[in-house]
Amino acid sequence: MQKKPLRRFQGMLLSIDVLMMFLITACAGTNTTTGQPPPALTATTTSATQVPPTATQAPTLTPSPVAFKAGGISFIGPVKSITSSSLVMSAPNGQIFTMAITPQTDRSAFGGNLPAVGTTVDMDSAASPNGSFMATILKPSRPGDPDLNAITYTGITTSAVGTDRVIHFTVSVKNYTYTIPTTAFLSDFGGNPQAIGNNVSVKVKVQYPANTVVSVGNSNA
């Protein structure tokens, strides 16, 4: 008599287990709300932002500096201004030159003094590595001097003179180019402009305002 309730309880548990298995199976196969299979998940992709390439600027061309070449300039011209350490003169080509005055500047022709503003002075100078010039000799000009309208450049040739008769040379840090006319005096080179080679120390006298080469000599001769 005591075994019947236990059997009934076991039967109820079995029925509950069967019902739970049925419900789980049904839920796994259908959507609990609509009875339809759950929608497939769609992967969401985010497109990368396209960053435009940075525009590249064209490189700025910087002129190559001219290597320093020893030399100098000589001309006759009026004194524009002068101090104990500096002299400003106007050259025959209209260019203004500033020269340093040092204890080594020869002023003996002026009795050791400095020329006054407005005085026409025969000036020689030497180039400095920084591109400036230092007055080496100052003396009064002479009336009728044939060099009154000329500038004499002392420099170094940067190429040999070819059949075009063009001479290229550098004084300090500036390049000069002139065509040698057939009338130019070239005794140091046998009268032949093509005998002027590269890296030769030359003295080139140019007459203004015609910009005509009067002579080319070897400054070491």
Protein backbone atom coordinates (compact mmCIF):
# COMPACT_ATOMS: atom_id res chain seq x y z
CA MET A 1 0.00 0.00 0.00
CA GLN A 2 2.90 2.40 0.64
CA LYS A 3 4.48 1.84 -2.82
CA LYS A 4 1.60 3.31 -4.87
CA PRO A 5 2.19 7.02 -4.03
CA LEU A 6 5.89 6.68 -4.95
CA ARG A 7 5.02 5.20 -8.32
CA ARG A 8 2.53 7.99 -9.01
CA PHE A 9 5.15 10.63 -8.13
CA GLN A 10 7.70 9.00 -10.44
CA GLY A 11 5.14 8.97 -13.25
CA MET A 12 4.46 12.66 -12.80
CA LEU A 13 8.18 13.48 -12.98
CA LEU A 14 8.50 11.47 -16.19
CA SER A 15 5.59 13.34 -17.75
CA ILE A 16 7.12 16.71 -16.76
CA ASP A 17 10.50 15.72 -18.31
CA VAL A 18 8.86 14.73 -21.58
CA LEU A 19 6.91 18.02 -21.71
CA MET A 20 10.05 20.11 -21.04
CA MET A 21 11.98 18.32 -23.81
CA PHE A 22 9.12 18.99 -26.24
CA LEU A 23 9.07 22.70 -25.39
CA ILE A 24 12.86 23.08 -25.71
CA THR A 25 12.83 21.37 -29.11
CA ALA A 26 10.03 23.59 -30.35
CA CYS A 27 11.75 26.77 -29.20
CA ALA A 28 15.02 25.81 -30.83
CA GLY A 29 13.36 25.34 -34.25
CA THR A 30 11.12 28.43 -34.39
CA ASN A 31 11.01 32.04 -33.29
CA THR A 32 9.03 32.28 -30.11
CA THR A 33 7.08 35.27 -31.38
CA THR A 34 6.38 34.61 -35.07
CA GLY A 35 7.12 30.97 -35.41
CA GLN A 36 9.64 31.81 -38.17
CA PRO A 37 13.35 31.00 -38.11
CA PRO A 38 15.43 33.87 -36.65
CA PRO A 39 16.87 36.19 -39.25
CA ALA A 40 20.47 35.63 -40.20
CA LEU A 41 22.90 38.10 -38.75
CA THR A 42 24.42 40.49 -41.30
CA ALA A 43 27.98 41.62 -40.76
CA THR A 44 28.26 45.42 -40.76
CA THR A 45 31.30 46.84 -42.51
CA THR A 46 32.59 50.38 -42.10
CA SER A 47 34.26 51.83 -45.14
CA ALA A 48 37.60 53.43 -44.34
CA THR A 49 37.73 57.17 -44.78
CA GLN A 50 39.80 58.03 -47.82
CA VAL A 51 42.44 60.58 -46.89
CA PRO A 52 43.62 62.49 -49.92
CA PRO A 53 47.37 62.34 -50.34
CA THR A 54 49.23 65.39 -49.20
CA ALA A 55 50.22 67.56 -52.12
CA THR A 56 53.96 67.68 -52.55
CA GLN A 57 55.41 71.10 -53.23
CA ALA A 58 57.96 71.44 -55.97
CA PRO A 59 61.39 71.87 -54.43
CA THR A 60 62.66 75.43 -54.35
CA LEU A 61 65.75 75.76 -56.43
CA THR A 62 68.46 77.51 -54.57
CA PRO A 63 71.31 78.90 -56.59
CA SER A 64 74.61 77.27 -55.77
CA PRO A 65 76.96 79.67 -54.02
CA VAL A 66 80.00 80.80 -55.98
CA ALA A 67 83.26 79.59 -54.48
CA PHE A 68 85.50 82.42 -53.31
CA LYS A 69 88.25 83.38 -55.74
CA ALA A 70 90.97 85.76 -54.69
CA GLY A 71 91.30 88.94 -56.71
CA GLY A 72 90.22 92.53 -56.62
CA ILE A 73 89.03 95.58 -58.54
CA SER A 74 90.72 98.83 -59.50
CA PHE A 75 89.15 102.00 -60.89
CA ILE A 76 89.10 105.78 -60.74
CA GLY A 77 86.02 107.41 -59.31
CA PRO A 78 84.60 110.00 -56.94
CA VAL A 79 84.37 109.44 -53.20
CA LYS A 80 80.72 109.31 -52.12
CA SER A 81 81.37 108.97 -48.39
CA ILE A 82 84.30 108.05 -46.18
CA THR A 83 85.12 107.22 -42.56
CA SER A 84 88.23 106.00 -40.83
CA SER A 85 87.19 102.43 -41.61
CA SER A 86 85.08 102.57 -44.77
CA LEU A 87 85.14 104.14 -48.22
CA VAL A 88 82.23 104.37 -50.67
CA MET A 89 83.01 105.14 -54.32
CA SER A 90 81.16 105.30 -57.62
CA ALA A 91 82.70 103.17 -60.38
CA PRO A 92 82.75 104.05 -64.12
CA ASN A 93 79.93 101.55 -64.78
CA GLY A 94 77.69 103.38 -62.29
CA GLN A 95 78.00 100.71 -59.61
CA ILE A 96 78.62 101.75 -56.02
CA PHE A 97 81.41 99.93 -54.21
CA THR A 98 82.15 99.95 -50.49
CA MET A 99 85.72 99.23 -49.45
CA ALA A 100 87.10 98.72 -45.99
CA ILE A 101 89.96 100.96 -44.88
CA THR A 102 92.53 99.26 -42.64
CA PRO A 103 95.99 100.14 -41.26
CA GLN A 104 97.37 98.27 -44.31
CA THR A 105 95.67 100.66 -46.77
CA ASP A 106 98.39 102.72 -48.50
CA ARG A 107 97.44 106.41 -48.12
CA SER A 108 100.91 107.83 -48.58
CA ALA A 109 99.83 109.75 -51.68
CA PHE A 110 97.46 111.69 -49.41
CA GLY A 111 100.13 112.21 -46.76
CA GLY A 112 98.65 109.41 -44.66
CA ASN A 113 95.31 111.17 -44.52
CA LEU A 114 91.96 110.24 -46.07
CA PRO A 115 90.63 111.82 -49.29
CA ALA A 116 87.71 114.20 -48.91
CA VAL A 117 84.20 113.49 -50.17
CA GLY A 118 83.94 114.44 -53.86
CA THR A 119 87.63 113.80 -54.54
CA THR A 120 88.36 111.65 -57.59
CA VAL A 121 90.54 108.81 -56.35
CA ASP A 122 92.55 106.11 -58.09
CA MET A 123 91.73 103.07 -55.97
CA ASP A 124 93.04 99.50 -55.85
CA SER A 125 91.30 96.87 -53.70
CA ALA A 126 91.57 93.23 -52.73
CA ALA A 127 88.67 90.80 -52.35
CA SER A 128 87.77 89.32 -48.98
CA PRO A 129 86.24 85.84 -48.46
CA ASN A 130 82.93 87.38 -47.31
CA GLY A 131 82.49 89.09 -50.70
CA SER A 132 83.57 92.56 -49.59
CA PHE A 133 86.63 94.51 -50.69
CA MET A 134 89.48 96.15 -48.81
CA ALA A 135 91.16 99.25 -50.23
CA THR A 136 94.87 98.55 -50.69
CA ILE A 137 96.02 101.79 -52.37
CA LEU A 138 94.42 105.23 -52.49
CA LYS A 139 95.97 107.99 -54.57
CA PRO A 140 94.78 111.10 -56.40
CA SER A 141 93.71 110.68 -60.01
CA ARG A 142 95.74 112.23 -62.82
CA PRO A 143 94.14 114.46 -65.45
CA GLY A 144 93.77 112.64 -68.76
CA ASP A 145 94.41 109.22 -67.20
CA PRO A 146 93.53 106.59 -69.87
CA ASP A 147 91.93 104.42 -67.17
CA LEU A 148 89.50 107.15 -66.15
CA ASN A 149 86.50 105.20 -67.54
CA ALA A 150 87.77 101.68 -67.03
CA ILE A 151 87.55 99.00 -64.36
CA THR A 152 90.30 96.43 -64.03
CA TYR A 153 89.13 93.11 -62.59
CA THR A 154 91.67 90.71 -61.11
CA GLY A 155 90.18 87.24 -60.91
CA ILE A 156 90.40 83.56 -61.78
CA THR A 157 89.05 82.06 -65.00
CA THR A 158 86.37 79.40 -64.55
CA SER A 159 86.77 77.88 -68.03
CA ALA A 160 89.10 78.10 -70.99
CA VAL A 161 88.34 80.66 -73.68
CA GLY A 162 86.93 78.95 -76.78
CA THR A 163 86.40 79.94 -80.39
CA ASP A 164 83.58 82.25 -79.27
CA ARG A 165 86.27 84.42 -77.57
CA VAL A 166 84.17 84.60 -74.36
CA ILE A 167 86.07 84.83 -71.09
CA HIS A 168 84.47 83.66 -67.82
CA PHE A 169 86.10 84.61 -64.55
CA THR A 170 85.28 85.11 -60.87
CA VAL A 171 86.28 87.96 -58.60
CA SER A 172 85.60 87.28 -54.93
CA VAL A 173 82.17 85.56 -55.08
CA LYS A 174 80.84 87.13 -58.30
CA ASN A 175 81.05 85.74 -61.83
CA TYR A 176 81.81 87.90 -64.87
CA THR A 177 81.48 87.15 -68.57
CA TYR A 178 82.84 89.26 -71.44
CA THR A 179 83.54 88.76 -75.12
CA ILE A 180 87.12 89.58 -76.08
CA PRO A 181 87.19 91.72 -79.22
CA THR A 182 89.91 91.41 -81.84
CA THR A 183 91.22 94.82 -80.74
CA ALA A 184 91.99 93.64 -77.17
CA PHE A 185 95.61 93.65 -76.04
CA LEU A 186 96.63 90.05 -75.21
CA SER A 187 100.43 90.14 -75.15
CA ASP A 188 100.67 87.81 -72.13
CA PHE A 189 98.87 85.14 -74.18
CA GLY A 190 100.62 85.69 -77.51
CA GLY A 191 97.69 87.65 -78.89
CA ASN A 192 95.58 84.45 -78.89
CA PRO A 193 92.48 84.47 -76.64
CA GLN A 194 92.25 80.67 -76.83
CA ALA A 195 95.58 80.50 -75.01
CA ILE A 196 93.71 81.65 -71.90
CA GLY A 197 93.00 78.44 -70.02
CA ASN A 198 90.92 77.44 -67.03
CA ASN A 199 91.87 78.44 -63.47
CA VAL A 200 94.24 81.15 -64.69
CA SER A 201 94.76 84.37 -62.74
CA VAL A 202 93.90 87.23 -65.09
CA LYS A 203 93.58 91.00 -65.17
CA VAL A 204 90.69 92.05 -67.37
CA LYS A 205 90.39 95.76 -68.17
CA VAL A 206 86.92 96.79 -69.35
CA GLN A 207 86.11 100.19 -70.83
CA TYR A 208 82.77 101.81 -70.02
CA PRO A 209 80.09 102.67 -71.02
CA ALA A 210 80.74 100.43 -74.05
CA ASN A 211 81.56 97.38 -71.86
CA THR A 212 84.49 96.64 -74.17
CA VAL A 213 87.42 94.49 -73.06
CA VAL A 214 90.56 96.57 -73.60
CA SER A 215 93.10 94.02 -72.42
CA VAL A 216 93.54 90.67 -70.74
CA GLY A 217 96.79 89.97 -68.93
CA ASN A 218 98.19 87.30 -66.66
CA SER A 219 98.17 88.82 -63.18
CA ASN A 220 101.03 86.52 -62.14
CA ALA A 221 103.27 87.57 -65.02
